[in-house]
């Protein structure tokens, strides 16, 4: 039996969550020496996970384009604000 798209997305989400945790713990154990690279990788994984959840679990893949753009745009704004907040202490 072929796995469904939802099963594959669940696997990708679990793997991305594990990788995010590993990167975050690695950065914590090295007293932040992984720094920006780990932060950017975790945020990239967050974008991937957010898009997969919005498109597949919320079924926006088949929704009107306006809904897809609104939700994915909201995700982009949130990630941009998190990036800005992480860069502000360094400015």
PDB file of N, CA and C in Angstrom:
ATOM      1  N   UNK A   1       0.827  -1.171   0.000  1.00  0.00           N
ATOM      2  CA  UNK A   1       0.000   0.000   0.000  1.00  0.00           C
ATOM      3  C   UNK A   1       0.882   1.250   0.000  1.00  0.00           C
ATOM      4  N   UNK A   2       0.555   2.184  -0.872  1.00  0.00           N
ATOM      5  CA  UNK A   2       1.316   3.417  -1.000  1.00  0.00           C
ATOM      6  C   UNK A   2       0.915   4.395   0.107  1.00  0.00           C
ATOM      7  N   UNK A   3       1.901   5.012   0.784  1.00  0.00           N
ATOM      8  CA  UNK A   3       1.555   5.964   1.843  1.00  0.00           C
ATOM      9  C   UNK A   3       0.855   7.193   1.249  1.00  0.00           C
ATOM     10  N   UNK A   4      -0.078   7.742   1.995  1.00  0.00           N
ATOM     11  CA  UNK A   4      -0.807   8.917   1.519  1.00  0.00           C
ATOM     12  C   UNK A   4       0.049  10.172   1.689  1.00  0.00           C
ATOM     13  N   UNK A   5      -0.382  11.233   1.041  1.00  0.00           N
ATOM     14  CA  UNK A   5       0.325  12.513   1.132  1.00  0.00           C
ATOM     15  C   UNK A   5       0.360  13.007   2.586  1.00  0.00           C
ATOM     16  N   UNK A   6      -0.724  12.809   3.303  1.00  0.00           N
ATOM     17  CA  UNK A   6      -0.786  13.246   4.706  1.00  0.00           C
ATOM     18  C   UNK A   6       0.243  12.486   5.539  1.00  0.00           C
ATOM     19  N   UNK A   7       0.409  11.192   5.277  1.00  0.00           N
ATOM     20  CA  UNK A   7       1.408  10.410   6.009  1.00  0.00           C
ATOM     21  C   UNK A   7       2.818  10.923   5.720  1.00  0.00           C
ATOM     22  N   UNK A   8       3.092  11.228   4.463  1.00  0.00           N
ATOM     23  CA  UNK A   8       4.415  11.741   4.100  1.00  0.00           C
ATOM     24  C   UNK A   8       4.666  13.114   4.727  1.00  0.00           C
ATOM     25  N   UNK A   9       3.644  13.953   4.728  1.00  0.00           N
ATOM     26  CA  UNK A   9       3.792  15.271   5.347  1.00  0.00           C
ATOM     27  C   UNK A   9       4.015  15.146   6.853  1.00  0.00           C
ATOM     28  N   UNK A  10       3.337  14.211   7.490  1.00  0.00           N
ATOM     29  CA  UNK A  10       3.541  13.987   8.926  1.00  0.00           C
ATOM     30  C   UNK A  10       4.982  13.561   9.194  1.00  0.00           C
ATOM     31  N   UNK A  11       5.514  12.690   8.355  1.00  0.00           N
ATOM     32  CA  UNK A  11       6.901  12.251   8.508  1.00  0.00           C
ATOM     33  C   UNK A  11       7.861  13.425   8.332  1.00  0.00           C
ATOM     34  N   UNK A  12       7.635  14.238   7.311  1.00  0.00           N
ATOM     35  CA  UNK A  12       8.483  15.407   7.078  1.00  0.00           C
ATOM     36  C   UNK A  12       8.411  16.359   8.269  1.00  0.00           C
ATOM     37  N   UNK A  13       7.216  16.571   8.807  1.00  0.00           N
ATOM     38  CA  UNK A  13       7.062  17.468   9.957  1.00  0.00           C
ATOM     39  C   UNK A  13       7.782  16.935  11.192  1.00  0.00           C
ATOM     40  N   UNK A  14       7.705  15.634  11.427  1.00  0.00           N
ATOM     41  CA  UNK A  14       8.401  15.041  12.575  1.00  0.00           C
ATOM     42  C   UNK A  14       9.915  15.174  12.401  1.00  0.00           C
ATOM     43  N   UNK A  15      10.405  14.892  11.201  1.00  0.00           N
ATOM     44  CA  UNK A  15      11.844  15.012  10.946  1.00  0.00           C
ATOM     45  C   UNK A  15      12.311  16.463  11.070  1.00  0.00           C
ATOM     46  N   UNK A  16      11.533  17.398  10.550  1.00  0.00           N
ATOM     47  CA  UNK A  16      11.896  18.813  10.645  1.00  0.00           C
ATOM     48  C   UNK A  16      11.879  19.286  12.098  1.00  0.00           C
ATOM     49  N   UNK A  17      10.931  18.795  12.881  1.00  0.00           N
ATOM     50  CA  UNK A  17      10.875  19.148  14.299  1.00  0.00           C
ATOM     51  C   UNK A  17      12.098  18.604  15.033  1.00  0.00           C
ATOM     52  N   UNK A  18      12.448  17.361  14.755  1.00  0.00           N
ATOM     53  CA  UNK A  18      13.642  16.777  15.370  1.00  0.00           C
ATOM     54  C   UNK A  18      14.908  17.527  14.994  1.00  0.00           C
ATOM     55  N   UNK A  19      15.024  17.899  13.729  1.00  0.00           N
ATOM     56  CA  UNK A  19      16.195  18.649  13.277  1.00  0.00           C
ATOM     57  C   UNK A  19      16.239  20.034  13.922  1.00  0.00           C
ATOM     58  N   UNK A  20      15.092  20.683  14.038  1.00  0.00           N
ATOM     59  CA  UNK A  20      15.035  21.994  14.707  1.00  0.00           C
ATOM     60  C   UNK A  20      15.487  21.880  16.156  1.00  0.00           C
ATOM     61  N   UNK A  21      15.001  20.852  16.837  1.00  0.00           N
ATOM     62  CA  UNK A  21      15.389  20.641  18.233  1.00  0.00           C
ATOM     63  C   UNK A  21      16.894  20.399  18.330  1.00  0.00           C
ATOM     64  N   UNK A  22      17.426  19.547  17.461  1.00  0.00           N
ATOM     65  CA  UNK A  22      18.847  19.217  17.475  1.00  0.00           C
ATOM     66  C   UNK A  22      19.696  20.464  17.231  1.00  0.00           C
ATOM     67  N   UNK A  23      19.294  21.280  16.253  1.00  0.00           N
ATOM     68  CA  UNK A  23      20.036  22.512  15.977  1.00  0.00           C
ATOM     69  C   UNK A  23      19.970  23.474  17.160  1.00  0.00           C
ATOM     70  N   UNK A  24      18.793  23.595  17.756  1.00  0.00           N
ATOM     71  CA  UNK A  24      18.644  24.485  18.907  1.00  0.00           C
ATOM     72  C   UNK A  24      19.452  24.027  20.102  1.00  0.00           C
ATOM     73  N   UNK A  25      19.435  22.741  20.364  1.00  0.00           N
ATOM     74  CA  UNK A  25      20.223  22.206  21.481  1.00  0.00           C
ATOM     75  C   UNK A  25      21.711  22.325  21.190  1.00  0.00           C
ATOM     76  N   UNK A  26      22.107  22.101  19.948  1.00  0.00           N
ATOM     77  CA  UNK A  26      23.517  22.238  19.580  1.00  0.00           C
ATOM     78  C   UNK A  26      24.000  23.661  19.776  1.00  0.00           C
ATOM     79  N   UNK A  27      23.169  24.621  19.425  1.00  0.00           N
ATOM     80  CA  UNK A  27      23.535  26.026  19.619  1.00  0.00           C
ATOM     81  C   UNK A  27      23.619  26.346  21.107  1.00  0.00           C
ATOM     82  N   UNK A  28      22.719  25.771  21.901  1.00  0.00           N
ATOM     83  CA  UNK A  28      22.735  26.019  23.347  1.00  0.00           C
ATOM     84  C   UNK A  28      23.970  25.393  23.993  1.00  0.00           C
ATOM     85  N   UNK A  29      24.336  24.193  23.559  1.00  0.00           N
ATOM     86  CA  UNK A  29      25.484  23.505  24.157  1.00  0.00           C
ATOM     87  C   UNK A  29      26.806  24.172  23.808  1.00  0.00           C
ATOM     88  N   UNK A  30      26.860  24.844  22.670  1.00  0.00           N
ATOM     89  CA  UNK A  30      28.100  25.521  22.280  1.00  0.00           C
ATOM     90  C   UNK A  30      28.085  26.988  22.698  1.00  0.00           C
ATOM     91  N   UNK A  31      27.235  27.329  23.659  1.00  0.00           N
ATOM     92  CA  UNK A  31      27.102  28.696  24.168  1.00  0.00           C
ATOM     93  C   UNK A  31      26.873  29.697  23.033  1.00  0.00           C
ATOM     94  N   UNK A  32      26.085  29.294  22.043  1.00  0.00           N
ATOM     95  CA  UNK A  32      25.699  30.210  20.981  1.00  0.00           C
ATOM     96  C   UNK A  32      26.688  30.356  19.847  1.00  0.00           C
ATOM     97  N   UNK A  33      27.729  29.520  19.823  1.00  0.00           N
ATOM     98  CA  UNK A  33      28.716  29.650  18.753  1.00  0.00           C
ATOM     99  C   UNK A  33      28.153  29.270  17.387  1.00  0.00           C
ATOM    100  N   UNK A  34      27.110  28.468  17.355  1.00  0.00           N
ATOM    101  CA  UNK A  34      26.468  28.179  16.073  1.00  0.00           C
ATOM    102  C   UNK A  34      25.676  29.392  15.608  1.00  0.00           C
ATOM    103  N   UNK A  35      25.212  30.166  16.541  1.00  0.00           N
ATOM    104  CA  UNK A  35      24.620  31.467  16.338  1.00  0.00           C
ATOM    105  C   UNK A  35      23.679  31.629  15.170  1.00  0.00           C
ATOM    106  N   UNK A  36      24.052  32.520  14.262  1.00  0.00           N
ATOM    107  CA  UNK A  36      23.172  32.905  13.171  1.00  0.00           C
ATOM    108  C   UNK A  36      22.859  31.752  12.237  1.00  0.00           C
ATOM    109  N   UNK A  37      23.810  30.889  11.983  1.00  0.00           N
ATOM    110  CA  UNK A  37      23.563  29.769  11.074  1.00  0.00           C
ATOM    111  C   UNK A  37      22.473  28.859  11.624  1.00  0.00           C
ATOM    112  N   UNK A  38      22.553  28.547  12.908  1.00  0.00           N
ATOM    113  CA  UNK A  38      21.533  27.693  13.518  1.00  0.00           C
ATOM    114  C   UNK A  38      20.190  28.403  13.557  1.00  0.00           C
ATOM    115  N   UNK A  39      20.200  29.689  13.860  1.00  0.00           N
ATOM    116  CA  UNK A  39      18.954  30.454  13.896  1.00  0.00           C
ATOM    117  C   UNK A  39      18.288  30.473  12.535  1.00  0.00           C
ATOM    118  N   UNK A  40      19.064  30.733  11.501  1.00  0.00           N
ATOM    119  CA  UNK A  40      18.504  30.763  10.145  1.00  0.00           C
ATOM    120  C   UNK A  40      17.997  29.392   9.720  1.00  0.00           C
ATOM    121  N   UNK A  41      18.717  28.341  10.089  1.00  0.00           N
ATOM    122  CA  UNK A  41      18.272  26.991   9.735  1.00  0.00           C
ATOM    123  C   UNK A  41      16.964  26.643  10.443  1.00  0.00           C
ATOM    124  N   UNK A  42      16.865  26.990  11.718  1.00  0.00           N
ATOM    125  CA  UNK A  42      15.632  26.710  12.465  1.00  0.00           C
ATOM    126  C   UNK A  42      14.469  27.517  11.897  1.00  0.00           C
ATOM    127  N   UNK A  43      14.703  28.764  11.541  1.00  0.00           N
ATOM    128  CA  UNK A  43      13.638  29.574  10.949  1.00  0.00           C
ATOM    129  C   UNK A  43      13.237  29.057   9.569  1.00  0.00           C
ATOM    130  N   UNK A  44      14.200  28.581   8.791  1.00  0.00           N
ATOM    131  CA  UNK A  44      13.866  27.993   7.488  1.00  0.00           C
ATOM    132  C   UNK A  44      13.007  26.744   7.670  1.00  0.00           C
ATOM    133  N   UNK A  45      13.347  25.942   8.664  1.00  0.00           N
ATOM    134  CA  UNK A  45      12.527  24.764   8.953  1.00  0.00           C
ATOM    135  C   UNK A  45      11.138  25.170   9.442  1.00  0.00           C
ATOM    136  N   UNK A  46      11.061  26.262  10.187  1.00  0.00           N
ATOM    137  CA  UNK A  46       9.756  26.753  10.647  1.00  0.00           C
ATOM    138  C   UNK A  46       8.893  27.194   9.473  1.00  0.00           C
ATOM    139  N   UNK A  47       9.508  27.832   8.483  1.00  0.00           N
ATOM    140  CA  UNK A  47       8.769  28.231   7.280  1.00  0.00           C
ATOM    141  C   UNK A  47       8.271  26.995   6.546  1.00  0.00           C
ATOM    142  N   UNK A  48       9.136  26.003   6.394  1.00  0.00           N
ATOM    143  CA  UNK A  48       8.741  24.756   5.727  1.00  0.00           C
ATOM    144  C   UNK A  48       7.579  24.103   6.464  1.00  0.00           C
ATOM    145  N   UNK A  49       7.711  23.989   7.778  1.00  0.00           N
ATOM    146  CA  UNK A  49       6.651  23.350   8.561  1.00  0.00           C
ATOM    147  C   UNK A  49       5.355  24.145   8.498  1.00  0.00           C
ATOM    148  N   UNK A  50       5.446  25.452   8.603  1.00  0.00           N
ATOM    149  CA  UNK A  50       4.252  26.288   8.535  1.00  0.00           C
ATOM    150  C   UNK A  50       3.554  26.184   7.193  1.00  0.00           C
ATOM    151  N   UNK A  51       4.335  26.176   6.120  1.00  0.00           N
ATOM    152  CA  UNK A  51       3.746  26.063   4.782  1.00  0.00           C
ATOM    153  C   UNK A  51       3.099  24.697   4.587  1.00  0.00           C
ATOM    154  N   UNK A  52       3.753  23.645   5.052  1.00  0.00           N
ATOM    155  CA  UNK A  52       3.168  22.305   4.913  1.00  0.00           C
ATOM    156  C   UNK A  52       1.870  22.185   5.700  1.00  0.00           C
ATOM    157  N   UNK A  53       1.859  22.726   6.904  1.00  0.00           N
ATOM    158  CA  UNK A  53       0.636  22.666   7.711  1.00  0.00           C
ATOM    159  C   UNK A  53      -0.480  23.458   7.044  1.00  0.00           C
ATOM    160  N   UNK A  54      -0.150  24.661   6.571  1.00  0.00           N
ATOM    161  CA  UNK A  54      -1.178  25.494   5.935  1.00  0.00           C
ATOM    162  C   UNK A  54      -1.702  24.855   4.653  1.00  0.00           C
ATOM    163  N   UNK A  55      -0.803  24.357   3.831  1.00  0.00           N
ATOM    164  CA  UNK A  55      -1.229  23.851   2.524  1.00  0.00           C
ATOM    165  C   UNK A  55      -1.880  22.480   2.599  1.00  0.00           C
ATOM    166  N   UNK A  56      -1.369  21.606   3.450  1.00  0.00           N
ATOM    167  CA  UNK A  56      -1.870  20.229   3.457  1.00  0.00           C
ATOM    168  C   UNK A  56      -2.880  19.960   4.564  1.00  0.00           C
ATOM    169  N   UNK A  57      -2.542  20.298   5.804  1.00  0.00           N
ATOM    170  CA  UNK A  57      -3.460  19.982   6.895  1.00  0.00           C
ATOM    171  C   UNK A  57      -4.651  20.938   6.937  1.00  0.00           C
ATOM    172  N   UNK A  58      -4.407  22.202   6.612  1.00  0.00           N
ATOM    173  CA  UNK A  58      -5.513  23.159   6.562  1.00  0.00           C
ATOM    174  C   UNK A  58      -6.187  23.150   5.189  1.00  0.00           C
ATOM    175  N   UNK A  59      -5.646  22.355   4.287  1.00  0.00           N
ATOM    176  CA  UNK A  59      -6.177  22.149   2.931  1.00  0.00           C
ATOM    177  C   UNK A  59      -6.274  23.435   2.126  1.00  0.00           C
ATOM    178  N   UNK A  60      -5.319  24.331   2.318  1.00  0.00           N
ATOM    179  CA  UNK A  60      -5.302  25.558   1.530  1.00  0.00           C
ATOM    180  C   UNK A  60      -4.745  25.330   0.128  1.00  0.00           C
ATOM    181  N   UNK A  61      -4.165  24.179  -0.108  1.00  0.00           N
ATOM    182  CA  UNK A  61      -3.656  23.863  -1.440  1.00  0.00           C
ATOM    183  C   UNK A  61      -4.785  23.921  -2.471  1.00  0.00           C
ATOM    184  N   UNK A  62      -5.987  23.576  -2.043  1.00  0.00           N
ATOM    185  CA  UNK A  62      -7.137  23.551  -2.950  1.00  0.00           C
ATOM    186  C   UNK A  62      -8.105  24.699  -2.684  1.00  0.00           C
ATOM    187  N   UNK A  63      -7.710  25.632  -1.848  1.00  0.00           N
ATOM    188  CA  UNK A  63      -8.560  26.778  -1.513  1.00  0.00           C
ATOM    189  C   UNK A  63      -8.323  27.902  -2.525  1.00  0.00           C
ATOM    190  N   UNK A  64      -9.177  28.910  -2.511  1.00  0.00           N
ATOM    191  CA  UNK A  64      -8.947  30.065  -3.384  1.00  0.00           C
ATOM    192  C   UNK A  64      -7.576  30.696  -3.118  1.00  0.00           C
ATOM    193  N   UNK A  65      -6.994  31.238  -4.169  1.00  0.00           N
ATOM    194  CA  UNK A  65      -5.643  31.793  -4.084  1.00  0.00           C
ATOM    195  C   UNK A  65      -5.530  32.887  -3.026  1.00  0.00           C
ATOM    196  N   UNK A  66      -6.579  33.654  -2.841  1.00  0.00           N
ATOM    197  CA  UNK A  66      -6.542  34.727  -1.848  1.00  0.00           C
ATOM    198  C   UNK A  66      -6.275  34.182  -0.449  1.00  0.00           C
ATOM    199  N   UNK A  67      -6.894  33.076  -0.080  1.00  0.00           N
ATOM    200  CA  UNK A  67      -6.681  32.463   1.233  1.00  0.00           C
ATOM    201  C   UNK A  67      -5.251  31.957   1.368  1.00  0.00           C
ATOM    202  N   UNK A  68      -4.745  31.300   0.314  1.00  0.00           N
ATOM    203  CA  UNK A  68      -3.359  30.810   0.353  1.00  0.00           C
ATOM    204  C   UNK A  68      -2.393  31.968   0.547  1.00  0.00           C
ATOM    205  N   UNK A  69      -2.581  33.018  -0.245  1.00  0.00           N
ATOM    206  CA  UNK A  69      -1.680  34.174  -0.153  1.00  0.00           C
ATOM    207  C   UNK A  69      -1.761  34.840   1.222  1.00  0.00           C
ATOM    208  N   UNK A  70      -2.958  34.937   1.765  1.00  0.00           N
ATOM    209  CA  UNK A  70      -3.121  35.574   3.075  1.00  0.00           C
ATOM    210  C   UNK A  70      -2.406  34.782   4.166  1.00  0.00           C
ATOM    211  N   UNK A  71      -2.600  33.478   4.194  1.00  0.00           N
ATOM    212  CA  UNK A  71      -1.992  32.659   5.254  1.00  0.00           C
ATOM    213  C   UNK A  71      -0.480  32.570   5.078  1.00  0.00           C
ATOM    214  N   UNK A  72      -0.010  32.345   3.855  1.00  0.00           N
ATOM    215  CA  UNK A  72       1.434  32.261   3.636  1.00  0.00           C
ATOM    216  C   UNK A  72       2.095  33.629   3.802  1.00  0.00           C
ATOM    217  N   UNK A  73       1.384  34.693   3.462  1.00  0.00           N
ATOM    218  CA  UNK A  73       1.900  36.039   3.700  1.00  0.00           C
ATOM    219  C   UNK A  73       2.025  36.330   5.182  1.00  0.00           C
ATOM    220  N   UNK A  74       1.018  35.898   5.961  1.00  0.00           N
ATOM    221  CA  UNK A  74       1.079  36.050   7.415  1.00  0.00           C
ATOM    222  C   UNK A  74       2.304  35.307   7.968  1.00  0.00           C
ATOM    223  N   UNK A  75       2.540  34.101   7.456  1.00  0.00           N
ATOM    224  CA  UNK A  75       3.702  33.323   7.891  1.00  0.00           C
ATOM    225  C   UNK A  75       4.994  34.073   7.571  1.00  0.00           C
ATOM    226  N   UNK A  76       5.075  34.653   6.386  1.00  0.00           N
ATOM    227  CA  UNK A  76       6.268  35.405   5.996  1.00  0.00           C
ATOM    228  C   UNK A  76       6.475  36.622   6.902  1.00  0.00           C
ATOM    229  N   UNK A  77       5.399  37.311   7.245  1.00  0.00           N
ATOM    230  CA  UNK A  77       5.505  38.481   8.128  1.00  0.00           C
ATOM    231  C   UNK A  77       5.984  38.064   9.515  1.00  0.00           C
ATOM    232  N   UNK A  78       5.447  36.989  10.043  1.00  0.00           N
ATOM    233  CA  UNK A  78       5.855  36.521  11.371  1.00  0.00           C
ATOM    234  C   UNK A  78       7.337  36.142  11.378  1.00  0.00           C
ATOM    235  N   UNK A  79       7.774  35.405  10.368  1.00  0.00           N
ATOM    236  CA  UNK A  79       9.186  35.009  10.300  1.00  0.00           C
ATOM    237  C   UNK A  79      10.079  36.241  10.139  1.00  0.00           C
ATOM    238  N   UNK A  80       9.653  37.203   9.326  1.00  0.00           N
ATOM    239  CA  UNK A  80      10.432  38.433   9.153  1.00  0.00           C
ATOM    240  C   UNK A  80      10.553  39.189  10.475  1.00  0.00           C
ATOM    241  N   UNK A  81       9.475  39.244  11.247  1.00  0.00           N
ATOM    242  CA  UNK A  81       9.527  39.917  12.547  1.00  0.00           C
ATOM    243  C   UNK A  81      10.442  39.187  13.527  1.00  0.00           C
ATOM    244  N   UNK A  82      10.431  37.870  13.490  1.00  0.00           N
ATOM    245  CA  UNK A  82      11.330  37.097  14.357  1.00  0.00           C
ATOM    246  C   UNK A  82      12.783  37.348  13.958  1.00  0.00           C
ATOM    247  N   UNK A  83      13.059  37.368  12.654  1.00  0.00           N
ATOM    248  CA  UNK A  83      14.418  37.674  12.191  1.00  0.00           C
ATOM    249  C   UNK A  83      14.838  39.075  12.627  1.00  0.00           C
ATOM    250  N   UNK A  84      13.946  40.027  12.464  1.00  0.00           N
ATOM    251  CA  UNK A  84      14.241  41.397  12.873  1.00  0.00           C
ATOM    252  C   UNK A  84      14.517  41.467  14.372  1.00  0.00           C
ATOM    253  N   UNK A  85      13.710  40.789  15.152  1.00  0.00           N
ATOM    254  CA  UNK A  85      13.907  40.789  16.604  1.00  0.00           C
ATOM    255  C   UNK A  85      15.228  40.130  16.992  1.00  0.00           C
ATOM    256  N   UNK A  86      15.647  39.127  16.239  1.00  0.00           N
ATOM    257  CA  UNK A  86      16.913  38.471  16.572  1.00  0.00           C
ATOM    258  C   UNK A  86      18.106  39.319  16.150  1.00  0.00           C
ATOM    259  N   UNK A  87      17.913  40.198  15.171  1.00  0.00           N
ATOM    260  CA  UNK A  87      19.016  41.045  14.717  1.00  0.00           C
ATOM    261  C   UNK A  87      19.112  42.357  15.495  1.00  0.00           C
ATOM    262  N   UNK A  88      18.010  42.832  16.057  1.00  0.00           N
ATOM    263  CA  UNK A  88      18.010  44.127  16.746  1.00  0.00           C
ATOM    264  C   UNK A  88      19.022  44.225  17.882  1.00  0.00           C
ATOM    265  N   UNK A  89      19.179  43.202  18.721  1.00  0.00           N
ATOM    266  CA  UNK A  89      20.171  43.337  19.801  1.00  0.00           C
ATOM    267  C   UNK A  89      21.590  43.536  19.278  1.00  0.00           C
ATOM    268  N   UNK A  90      21.858  43.122  18.061  1.00  0.00           N
ATOM    269  CA  UNK A  90      23.208  43.232  17.502  1.00  0.00           C
ATOM    270  C   UNK A  90      23.454  44.587  16.859  1.00  0.00           C
ATOM    271  N   UNK A  91      22.401  45.352  16.599  1.00  0.00           N
ATOM    272  CA  UNK A  91      22.561  46.649  15.921  1.00  0.00           C
ATOM    273  C   UNK A  91      23.002  47.732  16.862  1.00  0.00           C
TER     274      UNK A  91
END
